[in-house]
Amino acid sequence: MASHFDGGQAAARDGIGEQMSVWGKLIGGGLGFAVGGPIGAIVGGLAGHAVDRIRETDEDEADALLQDGAEGGRPAATKKVAFTIAVIVLGAKMAKADGVVTKDEILAFREVFQVPPDEMRNVARVFNQAKREATGFEPYAEQIAGMFQGNPEVLEDLLAGLMHIARADNVIHPNEVTFLKAVAEIFGISHAAYSRLHATYLGLDEEDPYAVLGIATDADDAEVKATYRKLIKSNHPDRVIAQGLPEEFVAVANEKLAKINAAYDRISKERGFG
């Protein structure tokens, strides 16, 4: 398997559609300046090509992207682009942790993050750029942690997505676990929250439902119910999207919610309450 991200079929318009989603704007012109920092540098390093390709089909769209960045960008749009870039960059850095990118990991990336086929070239450029450059993962993780400070569910979903990719080839490399723990620490995710996510995404097939909810096996019924309600409220996909998660990533939030529900159902059946 090649060690680079395969962009898939060539897109006639190089991944630029008439309705530009977060993927289409991902390396769009002045957005690199709007985002700033190491994430903005990745965007900026690829922006010239993107704007040239957009201009071939839509001069107004290209100018609008440059103007958007020049004026500082719209905060919500900027956050979504930054989140998207961070997922790709951190995914690339994690791929370097075990030294190989497998076909299963690429498929998992496409599946979880809902990448349209005609946007794979844009994703591939960012992924390969991140793998080539020498900067470690820490600056990217620190920047995204700062941008989503106060929105821990968004950061948890980003980490959950990375865990999903790590487990895709059915081999959890020790270096990948070390990487994920380091990212979690930078994100300010507590040990208890990390353990809950680890049990949910990297656990055995028969996941411990108590670990998925982040509670002890001897927790009383009231604590089980209260914890479940809190997790459902804080991890509802609509709320996470409202906090800045791009809609294209909703599969991650949905998967986490499904696992929380499944864990609660198992415990409630074992204990005999609804």
C-alpha atoms as a PDB file:
ATOM      1  CA  MET A   1       0.000   0.000   0.000  1.00  0.00           C
ATOM      2  CA  ALA A   2       1.356   3.412  -0.922  1.00  0.00           C
ATOM      3  CA  SER A   3       2.208   5.675   1.996  1.00  0.00           C
ATOM      4  CA  HIS A   4       0.290   8.619   0.562  1.00  0.00           C
ATOM      5  CA  PHE A   5      -3.403   9.442   0.432  1.00  0.00           C
ATOM      6  CA  ASP A   6      -4.939   8.363  -2.876  1.00  0.00           C
ATOM      7  CA  GLY A   7      -7.135  11.129  -4.205  1.00  0.00           C
ATOM      8  CA  GLY A   8      -9.276   8.716  -6.205  1.00  0.00           C
ATOM      9  CA  GLN A   9     -10.849   9.540  -9.553  1.00  0.00           C
ATOM     10  CA  ALA A  10      -9.929  12.821 -11.165  1.00  0.00           C
ATOM     11  CA  ALA A  11     -12.667  15.403 -10.872  1.00  0.00           C
ATOM     12  CA  ALA A  12     -13.517  17.362 -13.972  1.00  0.00           C
ATOM     13  CA  ARG A  13     -13.507  20.583 -12.028  1.00  0.00           C
ATOM     14  CA  ASP A  14     -10.812  19.550  -9.550  1.00  0.00           C
ATOM     15  CA  GLY A  15     -13.185  19.198  -6.629  1.00  0.00           C
ATOM     16  CA  ILE A  16     -14.832  22.575  -7.033  1.00  0.00           C
ATOM     17  CA  GLY A  17     -18.617  22.310  -7.267  1.00  0.00           C
ATOM     18  CA  GLU A  18     -21.209  24.934  -7.962  1.00  0.00           C
ATOM     19  CA  GLN A  19     -22.370  24.773  -4.337  1.00  0.00           C
ATOM     20  CA  MET A  20     -19.160  24.932  -2.332  1.00  0.00           C
ATOM     21  CA  SER A  21     -19.443  22.947   0.903  1.00  0.00           C
ATOM     22  CA  VAL A  22     -16.817  23.062   3.627  1.00  0.00           C
ATOM     23  CA  TRP A  23     -14.804  20.626   1.484  1.00  0.00           C
ATOM     24  CA  GLY A  24     -14.822  22.924  -1.513  1.00  0.00           C
ATOM     25  CA  LYS A  25     -13.693  25.869   0.602  1.00  0.00           C
ATOM     26  CA  LEU A  26     -11.116  23.818   2.388  1.00  0.00           C
ATOM     27  CA  ILE A  27      -8.151  25.273   0.554  1.00  0.00           C
ATOM     28  CA  GLY A  28      -9.899  28.371  -0.656  1.00  0.00           C
ATOM     29  CA  GLY A  29      -7.736  31.420  -1.103  1.00  0.00           C
ATOM     30  CA  GLY A  30      -7.673  33.988   1.682  1.00  0.00           C
ATOM     31  CA  LEU A  31      -9.207  31.567   4.183  1.00  0.00           C
ATOM     32  CA  GLY A  32      -5.629  30.671   5.069  1.00  0.00           C
ATOM     33  CA  PHE A  33      -5.174  34.210   6.353  1.00  0.00           C
ATOM     34  CA  ALA A  34      -8.506  34.089   8.170  1.00  0.00           C
ATOM     35  CA  VAL A  35      -7.580  30.901  10.013  1.00  0.00           C
ATOM     36  CA  GLY A  36      -3.952  31.824  10.702  1.00  0.00           C
ATOM     37  CA  GLY A  37      -1.399  29.757  12.588  1.00  0.00           C
ATOM     38  CA  PRO A  38      -0.071  26.395  11.381  1.00  0.00           C
ATOM     39  CA  ILE A  39      -3.494  25.388  10.020  1.00  0.00           C
ATOM     40  CA  GLY A  40      -3.643  28.603   7.991  1.00  0.00           C
ATOM     41  CA  ALA A  41      -0.123  27.936   6.727  1.00  0.00           C
ATOM     42  CA  ILE A  42      -1.223  24.576   5.339  1.00  0.00           C
ATOM     43  CA  VAL A  43      -4.197  26.277   3.665  1.00  0.00           C
ATOM     44  CA  GLY A  44      -2.049  29.112   2.358  1.00  0.00           C
ATOM     45  CA  GLY A  45       0.526  26.752   0.924  1.00  0.00           C
ATOM     46  CA  LEU A  46      -2.143  25.214  -1.306  1.00  0.00           C
ATOM     47  CA  ALA A  47      -4.424  28.202  -1.808  1.00  0.00           C
ATOM     48  CA  GLY A  48      -2.953  29.578  -4.991  1.00  0.00           C
ATOM     49  CA  HIS A  49      -3.757  26.427  -6.895  1.00  0.00           C
ATOM     50  CA  ALA A  50      -7.261  26.293  -5.479  1.00  0.00           C
ATOM     51  CA  VAL A  51      -8.084  29.870  -6.382  1.00  0.00           C
ATOM     52  CA  ASP A  52      -6.717  29.429  -9.894  1.00  0.00           C
ATOM     53  CA  ARG A  53      -8.934  26.378 -10.401  1.00  0.00           C
ATOM     54  CA  ILE A  54     -11.988  28.152  -9.011  1.00  0.00           C
ATOM     55  CA  ARG A  55     -11.332  31.162 -11.232  1.00  0.00           C
ATOM     56  CA  GLU A  56     -11.408  28.915 -14.302  1.00  0.00           C
ATOM     57  CA  THR A  57     -15.090  28.236 -13.604  1.00  0.00           C
ATOM     58  CA  ASP A  58     -16.291  31.060 -11.358  1.00  0.00           C
ATOM     59  CA  GLU A  59     -14.441  34.370 -11.183  1.00  0.00           C
ATOM     60  CA  ASP A  60     -16.837  35.819  -8.607  1.00  0.00           C
ATOM     61  CA  GLU A  61     -16.454  32.835  -6.277  1.00  0.00           C
ATOM     62  CA  ALA A  62     -12.664  33.101  -6.359  1.00  0.00           C
ATOM     63  CA  ASP A  63     -12.746  36.822  -5.591  1.00  0.00           C
ATOM     64  CA  ALA A  64     -15.261  36.239  -2.793  1.00  0.00           C
ATOM     65  CA  LEU A  65     -12.996  33.665  -1.152  1.00  0.00           C
ATOM     66  CA  LEU A  66     -10.026  36.011  -1.246  1.00  0.00           C
ATOM     67  CA  GLN A  67     -12.108  38.881   0.113  1.00  0.00           C
ATOM     68  CA  ASP A  68     -13.515  36.633   2.841  1.00  0.00           C
ATOM     69  CA  GLY A  69      -9.994  35.927   4.042  1.00  0.00           C
ATOM     70  CA  ALA A  70      -8.806  39.500   3.675  1.00  0.00           C
ATOM     71  CA  GLU A  71     -11.583  40.748   5.925  1.00  0.00           C
ATOM     72  CA  GLY A  72     -10.919  38.137   8.571  1.00  0.00           C
ATOM     73  CA  GLY A  73     -13.562  35.695   7.390  1.00  0.00           C
ATOM     74  CA  ARG A  74     -16.859  34.763   8.954  1.00  0.00           C
ATOM     75  CA  PRO A  75     -16.150  33.199  12.364  1.00  0.00           C
ATOM     76  CA  ALA A  76     -18.444  30.189  11.877  1.00  0.00           C
ATOM     77  CA  ALA A  77     -17.142  29.436   8.392  1.00  0.00           C
ATOM     78  CA  THR A  78     -13.546  29.910   9.499  1.00  0.00           C
ATOM     79  CA  LYS A  79     -13.997  27.499  12.408  1.00  0.00           C
ATOM     80  CA  LYS A  80     -15.509  24.872  10.149  1.00  0.00           C
ATOM     81  CA  VAL A  81     -12.650  25.107   7.678  1.00  0.00           C
ATOM     82  CA  ALA A  82     -10.108  25.010  10.525  1.00  0.00           C
ATOM     83  CA  PHE A  83     -11.793  21.926  11.998  1.00  0.00           C
ATOM     84  CA  THR A  84     -11.781  20.216   8.605  1.00  0.00           C
ATOM     85  CA  ILE A  85      -8.108  20.954   8.011  1.00  0.00           C
ATOM     86  CA  ALA A  86      -7.261  19.792  11.554  1.00  0.00           C
ATOM     87  CA  VAL A  87      -8.975  16.439  11.006  1.00  0.00           C
ATOM     88  CA  ILE A  88      -7.016  15.840   7.807  1.00  0.00           C
ATOM     89  CA  VAL A  89      -3.687  17.050   9.205  1.00  0.00           C
ATOM     90  CA  LEU A  90      -3.972  15.120  12.467  1.00  0.00           C
ATOM     91  CA  GLY A  91      -5.086  12.064  10.499  1.00  0.00           C
ATOM     92  CA  ALA A  92      -1.946  12.378   8.384  1.00  0.00           C
ATOM     93  CA  LYS A  93       0.252  12.798  11.448  1.00  0.00           C
ATOM     94  CA  MET A  94      -1.349   9.758  13.081  1.00  0.00           C
ATOM     95  CA  ALA A  95      -0.735   7.761   9.909  1.00  0.00           C
ATOM     96  CA  LYS A  96       2.965   8.489  10.340  1.00  0.00           C
ATOM     97  CA  ALA A  97       2.804   7.103  13.890  1.00  0.00           C
ATOM     98  CA  ASP A  98       2.630   3.497  12.690  1.00  0.00           C
ATOM     99  CA  GLY A  99       4.490   4.193   9.474  1.00  0.00           C
ATOM    100  CA  VAL A 100       1.844   3.162   6.952  1.00  0.00           C
ATOM    101  CA  VAL A 101      -1.488   4.306   5.565  1.00  0.00           C
ATOM    102  CA  THR A 102      -3.700   1.304   4.825  1.00  0.00           C
ATOM    103  CA  LYS A 103      -6.586   1.067   2.391  1.00  0.00           C
ATOM    104  CA  ASP A 104      -8.925   0.424   5.332  1.00  0.00           C
ATOM    105  CA  GLU A 105      -7.846   3.667   7.009  1.00  0.00           C
ATOM    106  CA  ILE A 106      -8.496   5.646   3.830  1.00  0.00           C
ATOM    107  CA  LEU A 107     -11.927   4.053   3.452  1.00  0.00           C
ATOM    108  CA  ALA A 108     -12.691   4.843   7.101  1.00  0.00           C
ATOM    109  CA  PHE A 109     -11.747   8.467   6.526  1.00  0.00           C
ATOM    110  CA  ARG A 110     -14.079   8.687   3.528  1.00  0.00           C
ATOM    111  CA  GLU A 111     -16.888   6.941   5.366  1.00  0.00           C
ATOM    112  CA  VAL A 112     -16.803   8.787   8.674  1.00  0.00           C
ATOM    113  CA  PHE A 113     -16.155  12.237   7.327  1.00  0.00           C
ATOM    114  CA  GLN A 114     -18.523  12.027   4.360  1.00  0.00           C
ATOM    115  CA  VAL A 115     -16.042  13.224   1.741  1.00  0.00           C
ATOM    116  CA  PRO A 116     -17.784  13.643  -1.632  1.00  0.00           C
ATOM    117  CA  PRO A 117     -15.895  11.761  -4.374  1.00  0.00           C
ATOM    118  CA  ASP A 118     -15.258  14.954  -6.327  1.00  0.00           C
ATOM    119  CA  GLU A 119     -13.618  16.579  -3.280  1.00  0.00           C
ATOM    120  CA  MET A 120     -11.044  13.830  -2.675  1.00  0.00           C
ATOM    121  CA  ARG A 121      -8.344  15.724  -4.556  1.00  0.00           C
ATOM    122  CA  ASN A 122      -8.602  18.643  -2.154  1.00  0.00           C
ATOM    123  CA  VAL A 123      -8.437  16.297   0.820  1.00  0.00           C
ATOM    124  CA  ALA A 124      -5.535  14.384  -0.694  1.00  0.00           C
ATOM    125  CA  ARG A 125      -3.508  17.570  -1.211  1.00  0.00           C
ATOM    126  CA  VAL A 126      -3.873  18.615   2.405  1.00  0.00           C
ATOM    127  CA  PHE A 127      -3.194  15.081   3.680  1.00  0.00           C
ATOM    128  CA  ASN A 128      -0.054  14.638   1.604  1.00  0.00           C
ATOM    129  CA  GLN A 129       1.196  18.138   2.407  1.00  0.00           C
ATOM    130  CA  ALA A 130       0.813  17.410   6.121  1.00  0.00           C
ATOM    131  CA  LYS A 131       2.668  14.116   5.815  1.00  0.00           C
ATOM    132  CA  ARG A 132       5.558  15.741   3.933  1.00  0.00           C
ATOM    133  CA  GLU A 133       6.159  18.732   6.160  1.00  0.00           C
ATOM    134  CA  ALA A 134       8.352  18.292   9.221  1.00  0.00           C
ATOM    135  CA  THR A 135       6.216  20.102  11.806  1.00  0.00           C
ATOM    136  CA  GLY A 136       4.893  17.799  14.508  1.00  0.00           C
ATOM    137  CA  PHE A 137       1.227  17.381  15.309  1.00  0.00           C
ATOM    138  CA  GLU A 138       1.325  19.468  18.488  1.00  0.00           C
ATOM    139  CA  PRO A 139       0.972  22.966  16.942  1.00  0.00           C
ATOM    140  CA  TYR A 140      -2.105  21.881  14.977  1.00  0.00           C
ATOM    141  CA  ALA A 141      -3.710  20.261  18.013  1.00  0.00           C
ATOM    142  CA  GLU A 142      -2.951  23.339  20.126  1.00  0.00           C
ATOM    143  CA  GLN A 143      -4.483  25.697  17.571  1.00  0.00           C
ATOM    144  CA  ILE A 144      -7.706  23.723  17.214  1.00  0.00           C
ATOM    145  CA  ALA A 145      -7.942  23.352  20.996  1.00  0.00           C
ATOM    146  CA  GLY A 146      -7.759  27.124  21.309  1.00  0.00           C
ATOM    147  CA  MET A 147     -10.371  27.716  18.624  1.00  0.00           C
ATOM    148  CA  PHE A 148     -12.857  25.349  20.269  1.00  0.00           C
ATOM    149  CA  GLN A 149     -12.072  26.166  23.863  1.00  0.00           C
ATOM    150  CA  GLY A 150     -15.298  25.807  25.803  1.00  0.00           C
ATOM    151  CA  ASN A 151     -16.727  23.323  23.269  1.00  0.00           C
ATOM    152  CA  PRO A 152     -15.343  20.000  24.562  1.00  0.00           C
ATOM    153  CA  GLU A 153     -17.871  17.939  22.596  1.00  0.00           C
ATOM    154  CA  VAL A 154     -16.427  19.229  19.312  1.00  0.00           C
ATOM    155  CA  LEU A 155     -12.907  18.275  20.396  1.00  0.00           C
ATOM    156  CA  GLU A 156     -14.152  14.893  21.585  1.00  0.00           C
ATOM    157  CA  ASP A 157     -15.713  14.267  18.185  1.00  0.00           C
ATOM    158  CA  LEU A 158     -12.459  15.135  16.441  1.00  0.00           C
ATOM    159  CA  LEU A 159     -10.610  12.683  18.689  1.00  0.00           C
ATOM    160  CA  ALA A 160     -13.344  10.089  18.141  1.00  0.00           C
ATOM    161  CA  GLY A 161     -12.903  10.427  14.390  1.00  0.00           C
ATOM    162  CA  LEU A 162      -9.173   9.815  14.723  1.00  0.00           C
ATOM    163  CA  MET A 163      -9.890   6.742  16.848  1.00  0.00           C
ATOM    164  CA  HIS A 164     -12.275   5.441  14.193  1.00  0.00           C
ATOM    165  CA  ILE A 165      -9.535   5.741  11.585  1.00  0.00           C
ATOM    166  CA  ALA A 166      -6.958   4.117  13.884  1.00  0.00           C
ATOM    167  CA  ARG A 167      -9.100   1.026  14.397  1.00  0.00           C
ATOM    168  CA  ALA A 168     -10.090   0.685  10.729  1.00  0.00           C
ATOM    169  CA  ASP A 169      -7.397  -1.884   9.894  1.00  0.00           C
ATOM    170  CA  ASN A 170      -8.223  -3.889  13.058  1.00  0.00           C
ATOM    171  CA  VAL A 171      -4.739  -3.195  14.408  1.00  0.00           C
ATOM    172  CA  ILE A 172      -4.346  -0.569  17.110  1.00  0.00           C
ATOM    173  CA  HIS A 173      -0.636   0.242  17.026  1.00  0.00           C
ATOM    174  CA  PRO A 174       0.879   1.331  20.378  1.00  0.00           C
ATOM    175  CA  ASN A 175       2.243   4.444  18.674  1.00  0.00           C
ATOM    176  CA  GLU A 176      -1.287   5.360  17.584  1.00  0.00           C
ATOM    177  CA  VAL A 177      -2.518   5.086  21.174  1.00  0.00           C
ATOM    178  CA  THR A 178       0.373   7.269  22.341  1.00  0.00           C
ATOM    179  CA  PHE A 179      -0.523   9.802  19.648  1.00  0.00           C
ATOM    180  CA  LEU A 180      -4.213   9.818  20.593  1.00  0.00           C
ATOM    181  CA  LYS A 181      -3.458  10.277  24.293  1.00  0.00           C
ATOM    182  CA  ALA A 182      -1.135  13.179  23.514  1.00  0.00           C
ATOM    183  CA  VAL A 183      -3.800  14.853  21.360  1.00  0.00           C
ATOM    184  CA  ALA A 184      -6.379  14.332  24.114  1.00  0.00           C
ATOM    185  CA  GLU A 185      -4.074  16.000  26.635  1.00  0.00           C
ATOM    186  CA  ILE A 186      -3.570  19.017  24.368  1.00  0.00           C
ATOM    187  CA  PHE A 187      -7.339  19.210  23.853  1.00  0.00           C
ATOM    188  CA  GLY A 188      -7.847  19.294  27.617  1.00  0.00           C
ATOM    189  CA  ILE A 189      -9.851  16.069  27.530  1.00  0.00           C
ATOM    190  CA  SER A 190      -9.825  14.506  30.978  1.00  0.00           C
ATOM    191  CA  HIS A 191      -8.477  11.041  31.682  1.00  0.00           C
ATOM    192  CA  ALA A 192     -12.009   9.866  32.452  1.00  0.00           C
ATOM    193  CA  ALA A 193     -13.372  11.270  29.184  1.00  0.00           C
ATOM    194  CA  TYR A 194     -10.474   9.762  27.220  1.00  0.00           C
ATOM    195  CA  SER A 195     -11.100   6.374  28.842  1.00  0.00           C
ATOM    196  CA  ARG A 196     -14.767   6.624  27.866  1.00  0.00           C
ATOM    197  CA  LEU A 197     -13.876   7.405  24.235  1.00  0.00           C
ATOM    198  CA  HIS A 198     -11.215   4.683  24.184  1.00  0.00           C
ATOM    199  CA  ALA A 199     -13.733   2.126  25.417  1.00  0.00           C
ATOM    200  CA  THR A 200     -16.251   3.310  22.825  1.00  0.00           C
ATOM    201  CA  TYR A 201     -14.015   3.329  19.759  1.00  0.00           C
ATOM    202  CA  LEU A 202     -10.947   1.225  20.507  1.00  0.00           C
ATOM    203  CA  GLY A 203     -12.415  -1.363  22.899  1.00  0.00           C
ATOM    204  CA  LEU A 204     -13.162  -4.997  22.206  1.00  0.00           C
ATOM    205  CA  ASP A 205     -16.165  -6.062  20.168  1.00  0.00           C
ATOM    206  CA  GLU A 206     -18.139  -6.572  23.357  1.00  0.00           C
ATOM    207  CA  GLU A 207     -17.645  -3.097  24.767  1.00  0.00           C
ATOM    208  CA  ASP A 208     -18.104  -2.544  28.483  1.00  0.00           C
ATOM    209  CA  PRO A 209     -21.287  -0.431  28.630  1.00  0.00           C
ATOM    210  CA  TYR A 210     -20.205   1.151  31.909  1.00  0.00           C
ATOM    211  CA  ALA A 211     -16.887   2.247  30.375  1.00  0.00           C
ATOM    212  CA  VAL A 212     -18.737   3.718  27.378  1.00  0.00           C
ATOM    213  CA  LEU A 213     -20.828   5.843  29.763  1.00  0.00           C
ATOM    214  CA  GLY A 214     -17.786   6.606  31.895  1.00  0.00           C
ATOM    215  CA  ILE A 215     -19.209   5.279  35.163  1.00  0.00           C
ATOM    216  CA  ALA A 216     -18.264   2.563  37.647  1.00  0.00           C
ATOM    217  CA  THR A 217     -19.993  -0.805  37.510  1.00  0.00           C
ATOM    218  CA  ASP A 218     -21.305  -0.256  41.042  1.00  0.00           C
ATOM    219  CA  ALA A 219     -22.926   3.097  40.199  1.00  0.00           C
ATOM    220  CA  ASP A 220     -26.496   3.234  41.442  1.00  0.00           C
ATOM    221  CA  ASP A 221     -29.466   3.493  39.089  1.00  0.00           C
ATOM    222  CA  ALA A 222     -29.855   7.224  39.686  1.00  0.00           C
ATOM    223  CA  GLU A 223     -26.241   7.889  38.630  1.00  0.00           C
ATOM    224  CA  VAL A 224     -26.617   5.709  35.537  1.00  0.00           C
ATOM    225  CA  LYS A 225     -29.725   7.604  34.423  1.00  0.00           C
ATOM    226  CA  ALA A 226     -28.272  11.039  35.203  1.00  0.00           C
ATOM    227  CA  THR A 227     -25.039  10.281  33.358  1.00  0.00           C
ATOM    228  CA  TYR A 228     -26.938   8.979  30.354  1.00  0.00           C
ATOM    229  CA  ARG A 229     -29.147  12.087  30.176  1.00  0.00           C
ATOM    230  CA  LYS A 230     -26.110  14.360  30.418  1.00  0.00           C
ATOM    231  CA  LEU A 231     -24.253  12.516  27.650  1.00  0.00           C
ATOM    232  CA  ILE A 232     -27.283  12.499  25.365  1.00  0.00           C
ATOM    233  CA  LYS A 233     -27.797  16.227  25.843  1.00  0.00           C
ATOM    234  CA  SER A 234     -24.174  17.238  25.337  1.00  0.00           C
ATOM    235  CA  ASN A 235     -23.514  14.904  22.418  1.00  0.00           C
ATOM    236  CA  HIS A 236     -26.649  15.397  20.338  1.00  0.00           C
ATOM    237  CA  PRO A 237     -25.517  15.983  16.732  1.00  0.00           C
ATOM    238  CA  ASP A 238     -27.628  19.138  16.356  1.00  0.00           C
ATOM    239  CA  ARG A 239     -25.963  20.723  19.363  1.00  0.00           C
ATOM    240  CA  VAL A 240     -22.482  19.742  18.227  1.00  0.00           C
ATOM    241  CA  ILE A 241     -23.087  21.184  14.756  1.00  0.00           C
ATOM    242  CA  ALA A 242     -24.399  24.381  16.354  1.00  0.00           C
ATOM    243  CA  GLN A 243     -21.104  24.659  18.241  1.00  0.00           C
ATOM    244  CA  GLY A 244     -19.077  24.649  15.045  1.00  0.00           C
ATOM    245  CA  LEU A 245     -18.803  21.086  13.772  1.00  0.00           C
ATOM    246  CA  PRO A 246     -19.278  20.981   9.989  1.00  0.00           C
ATOM    247  CA  GLU A 247     -22.397  19.113   8.902  1.00  0.00           C
ATOM    248  CA  GLU A 248     -20.223  16.852   6.759  1.00  0.00           C
ATOM    249  CA  PHE A 249     -18.871  15.309   9.979  1.00  0.00           C
ATOM    250  CA  VAL A 250     -22.226  14.464  11.521  1.00  0.00           C
ATOM    251  CA  ALA A 251     -21.552  10.729  11.115  1.00  0.00           C
ATOM    252  CA  VAL A 252     -19.038  10.928  13.954  1.00  0.00           C
ATOM    253  CA  ALA A 253     -21.560  12.494  16.310  1.00  0.00           C
ATOM    254  CA  ASN A 254     -24.240  10.018  15.249  1.00  0.00           C
ATOM    255  CA  GLU A 255     -21.960   7.051  15.877  1.00  0.00           C
ATOM    256  CA  LYS A 256     -21.055   8.292  19.337  1.00  0.00           C
ATOM    257  CA  LEU A 257     -24.713   8.873  20.206  1.00  0.00           C
ATOM    258  CA  ALA A 258     -25.632   5.389  18.985  1.00  0.00           C
ATOM    259  CA  LYS A 259     -22.974   3.797  21.165  1.00  0.00           C
ATOM    260  CA  ILE A 260     -24.137   5.775  24.208  1.00  0.00           C
ATOM    261  CA  ASN A 261     -27.715   4.624  23.593  1.00  0.00           C
ATOM    262  CA  ALA A 262     -26.623   1.002  23.117  1.00  0.00           C
ATOM    263  CA  ALA A 263     -24.617   1.047  26.338  1.00  0.00           C
ATOM    264  CA  TYR A 264     -27.514   2.485  28.314  1.00  0.00           C
ATOM    265  CA  ASP A 265     -29.922  -0.067  26.822  1.00  0.00           C
ATOM    266  CA  ARG A 266     -27.677  -2.933  27.918  1.00  0.00           C
ATOM    267  CA  ILE A 267     -27.400  -1.604  31.468  1.00  0.00           C
ATOM    268  CA  SER A 268     -31.100  -0.855  31.753  1.00  0.00           C
ATOM    269  CA  LYS A 269     -32.022  -4.366  30.609  1.00  0.00           C
ATOM    270  CA  GLU A 270     -29.557  -5.936  33.022  1.00  0.00           C
ATOM    271  CA  ARG A 271     -30.939  -3.872  35.895  1.00  0.00           C
ATOM    272  CA  GLY A 272     -34.563  -4.051  34.856  1.00  0.00           C
ATOM    273  CA  PHE A 273     -35.419  -0.403  34.484  1.00  0.00           C
ATOM    274  CA  GLY A 274     -36.560   1.600  31.455  1.00  0.00           C
END
